[in-house]
Amino acid sequence: MSDKPAARPQAPQLTIKISEEMQRGAYANRVVIGHTRDEFVFDFIAELPPGPCVVARVITAPAHAAALLDALAENVARYEKDHGAIRRGAPPMPPPQFSA
């Protein structure tokens, strides 16, 4: 018997494409979440003048929503370890609006 631990199989490499528009991202300061038996719907909203607007809608399976919850909790914990506790309460001020 070998003293070396068994090698863990490597996960396959995943190549992800992202459009230039998607790379810019979308600002959202609110999210509305709904669900059916088969899916979760996340509507990300920017509450900015002249009024609130859905900037992205993500529809996913319950298992993926649960994985998102776990990943978000892990990342918030790491953020708070590095930067201190996140203050809860009033949402942050939206970014300034610039006109062309």
C-alpha atoms as a PDB file:
ATOM      1  CA  MET A   1       0.000   0.000   0.000  1.00  0.00           C
ATOM      2  CA  SER A   2       1.315   3.454  -0.877  1.00  0.00           C
ATOM      3  CA  ASP A   3       1.687   6.279   1.660  1.00  0.00           C
ATOM      4  CA  LYS A   4       0.810   8.831  -1.010  1.00  0.00           C
ATOM      5  CA  PRO A   5      -2.772  10.115  -1.062  1.00  0.00           C
ATOM      6  CA  ALA A   6      -4.793   9.128  -4.097  1.00  0.00           C
ATOM      7  CA  ALA A   7      -4.692  11.744  -6.816  1.00  0.00           C
ATOM      8  CA  ARG A   8      -7.961  13.646  -7.135  1.00  0.00           C
ATOM      9  CA  PRO A   9      -9.310  13.673 -10.674  1.00  0.00           C
ATOM     10  CA  GLN A  10      -9.053  17.135 -12.190  1.00  0.00           C
ATOM     11  CA  ALA A  11     -12.219  18.951 -13.144  1.00  0.00           C
ATOM     12  CA  PRO A  12     -12.485  19.593 -16.870  1.00  0.00           C
ATOM     13  CA  GLN A  13     -11.486  23.082 -17.979  1.00  0.00           C
ATOM     14  CA  LEU A  14     -14.429  25.332 -18.755  1.00  0.00           C
ATOM     15  CA  THR A  15     -14.119  28.065 -21.349  1.00  0.00           C
ATOM     16  CA  ILE A  16     -16.691  30.804 -20.847  1.00  0.00           C
ATOM     17  CA  LYS A  17     -17.474  33.456 -23.427  1.00  0.00           C
ATOM     18  CA  ILE A  18     -18.868  36.850 -22.422  1.00  0.00           C
ATOM     19  CA  SER A  19     -20.048  39.594 -24.744  1.00  0.00           C
ATOM     20  CA  GLU A  20     -18.591  43.078 -24.511  1.00  0.00           C
ATOM     21  CA  GLU A  21     -21.967  44.438 -23.366  1.00  0.00           C
ATOM     22  CA  MET A  22     -22.214  41.821 -20.610  1.00  0.00           C
ATOM     23  CA  GLN A  23     -18.652  42.569 -19.453  1.00  0.00           C
ATOM     24  CA  ARG A  24     -19.753  46.084 -18.486  1.00  0.00           C
ATOM     25  CA  GLY A  25     -22.241  44.615 -16.041  1.00  0.00           C
ATOM     26  CA  ALA A  26     -25.415  46.235 -14.779  1.00  0.00           C
ATOM     27  CA  TYR A  27     -25.896  48.240 -11.596  1.00  0.00           C
ATOM     28  CA  ALA A  28     -28.652  46.917  -9.334  1.00  0.00           C
ATOM     29  CA  ASN A  29     -29.545  48.055  -5.839  1.00  0.00           C
ATOM     30  CA  ARG A  30     -32.515  45.767  -5.274  1.00  0.00           C
ATOM     31  CA  VAL A  31     -33.552  42.239  -6.174  1.00  0.00           C
ATOM     32  CA  VAL A  32     -36.992  40.677  -6.241  1.00  0.00           C
ATOM     33  CA  ILE A  33     -37.040  36.889  -5.985  1.00  0.00           C
ATOM     34  CA  GLY A  34     -39.915  34.605  -6.878  1.00  0.00           C
ATOM     35  CA  HIS A  35     -40.213  30.896  -7.425  1.00  0.00           C
ATOM     36  CA  THR A  36     -42.374  28.137  -8.772  1.00  0.00           C
ATOM     37  CA  ARG A  37     -42.007  24.441  -8.107  1.00  0.00           C
ATOM     38  CA  ASP A  38     -39.474  24.175 -10.935  1.00  0.00           C
ATOM     39  CA  GLU A  39     -37.504  27.434 -10.981  1.00  0.00           C
ATOM     40  CA  PHE A  40     -36.358  30.558  -9.181  1.00  0.00           C
ATOM     41  CA  VAL A  41     -36.618  33.983 -10.830  1.00  0.00           C
ATOM     42  CA  PHE A  42     -34.271  36.812  -9.785  1.00  0.00           C
ATOM     43  CA  ASP A  43     -35.194  40.281 -11.054  1.00  0.00           C
ATOM     44  CA  PHE A  44     -32.297  42.685 -10.452  1.00  0.00           C
ATOM     45  CA  ILE A  45     -33.575  46.255 -10.277  1.00  0.00           C
ATOM     46  CA  ALA A  46     -31.868  49.640 -10.527  1.00  0.00           C
ATOM     47  CA  GLU A  47     -33.857  52.148  -8.497  1.00  0.00           C
ATOM     48  CA  LEU A  48     -32.730  55.309 -10.230  1.00  0.00           C
ATOM     49  CA  PRO A  49     -34.511  58.323 -11.676  1.00  0.00           C
ATOM     50  CA  PRO A  50     -36.828  58.454 -13.522  1.00  0.00           C
ATOM     51  CA  GLY A  51     -37.971  55.194 -11.880  1.00  0.00           C
ATOM     52  CA  PRO A  52     -37.093  51.593 -11.046  1.00  0.00           C
ATOM     53  CA  CYS A  53     -36.161  49.337 -13.952  1.00  0.00           C
ATOM     54  CA  VAL A  54     -35.325  45.628 -14.188  1.00  0.00           C
ATOM     55  CA  VAL A  55     -31.762  45.506 -15.516  1.00  0.00           C
ATOM     56  CA  ALA A  56     -31.376  41.714 -15.500  1.00  0.00           C
ATOM     57  CA  ARG A  57     -33.565  38.673 -14.986  1.00  0.00           C
ATOM     58  CA  VAL A  58     -32.017  35.329 -14.076  1.00  0.00           C
ATOM     59  CA  ILE A  59     -34.122  32.164 -14.118  1.00  0.00           C
ATOM     60  CA  THR A  60     -32.574  29.032 -12.648  1.00  0.00           C
ATOM     61  CA  ALA A  61     -33.347  25.618 -11.199  1.00  0.00           C
ATOM     62  CA  PRO A  62     -33.869  25.209  -7.433  1.00  0.00           C
ATOM     63  CA  ALA A  63     -30.597  23.268  -7.094  1.00  0.00           C
ATOM     64  CA  HIS A  64     -28.699  26.114  -8.748  1.00  0.00           C
ATOM     65  CA  ALA A  65     -30.440  28.669  -6.508  1.00  0.00           C
ATOM     66  CA  ALA A  66     -29.340  26.654  -3.453  1.00  0.00           C
ATOM     67  CA  ALA A  67     -25.759  26.534  -4.796  1.00  0.00           C
ATOM     68  CA  LEU A  68     -25.919  30.314  -5.345  1.00  0.00           C
ATOM     69  CA  LEU A  69     -27.016  30.776  -1.722  1.00  0.00           C
ATOM     70  CA  ASP A  70     -24.055  28.701  -0.503  1.00  0.00           C
ATOM     71  CA  ALA A  71     -21.575  30.548  -2.748  1.00  0.00           C
ATOM     72  CA  LEU A  72     -22.925  33.944  -1.707  1.00  0.00           C
ATOM     73  CA  ALA A  73     -22.707  33.042   2.005  1.00  0.00           C
ATOM     74  CA  GLU A  74     -19.115  31.867   1.544  1.00  0.00           C
ATOM     75  CA  ASN A  75     -18.134  35.036  -0.318  1.00  0.00           C
ATOM     76  CA  VAL A  76     -19.823  37.353   2.199  1.00  0.00           C
ATOM     77  CA  ALA A  77     -17.955  35.563   5.008  1.00  0.00           C
ATOM     78  CA  ARG A  78     -14.631  36.032   3.164  1.00  0.00           C
ATOM     79  CA  TYR A  79     -15.451  39.687   2.453  1.00  0.00           C
ATOM     80  CA  GLU A  80     -16.245  40.338   6.126  1.00  0.00           C
ATOM     81  CA  LYS A  81     -13.048  38.567   7.203  1.00  0.00           C
ATOM     82  CA  ASP A  82     -11.017  40.871   4.931  1.00  0.00           C
ATOM     83  CA  HIS A  83     -12.973  44.127   5.311  1.00  0.00           C
ATOM     84  CA  GLY A  84     -15.046  43.893   8.484  1.00  0.00           C
ATOM     85  CA  ALA A  85     -18.739  43.358   9.029  1.00  0.00           C
ATOM     86  CA  ILE A  86     -21.109  44.606   6.366  1.00  0.00           C
ATOM     87  CA  ARG A  87     -23.462  47.235   7.768  1.00  0.00           C
ATOM     88  CA  ARG A  88     -27.038  46.282   7.185  1.00  0.00           C
ATOM     89  CA  GLY A  89     -29.809  48.815   6.966  1.00  0.00           C
ATOM     90  CA  ALA A  90     -30.415  51.452   4.348  1.00  0.00           C
ATOM     91  CA  PRO A  91     -29.246  50.433   0.866  1.00  0.00           C
ATOM     92  CA  PRO A  92     -26.152  52.215  -0.455  1.00  0.00           C
ATOM     93  CA  MET A  93     -26.580  55.410  -2.427  1.00  0.00           C
ATOM     94  CA  PRO A  94     -26.876  54.797  -6.172  1.00  0.00           C
ATOM     95  CA  PRO A  95     -24.050  56.000  -8.396  1.00  0.00           C
ATOM     96  CA  PRO A  96     -24.311  59.503  -9.854  1.00  0.00           C
ATOM     97  CA  GLN A  97     -26.156  59.918 -13.157  1.00  0.00           C
ATOM     98  CA  PHE A  98     -24.342  61.577 -16.043  1.00  0.00           C
ATOM     99  CA  SER A  99     -26.034  62.983 -19.090  1.00  0.00           C
ATOM    100  CA  ALA A 100     -24.488  63.144 -22.537  1.00  0.00           C
END
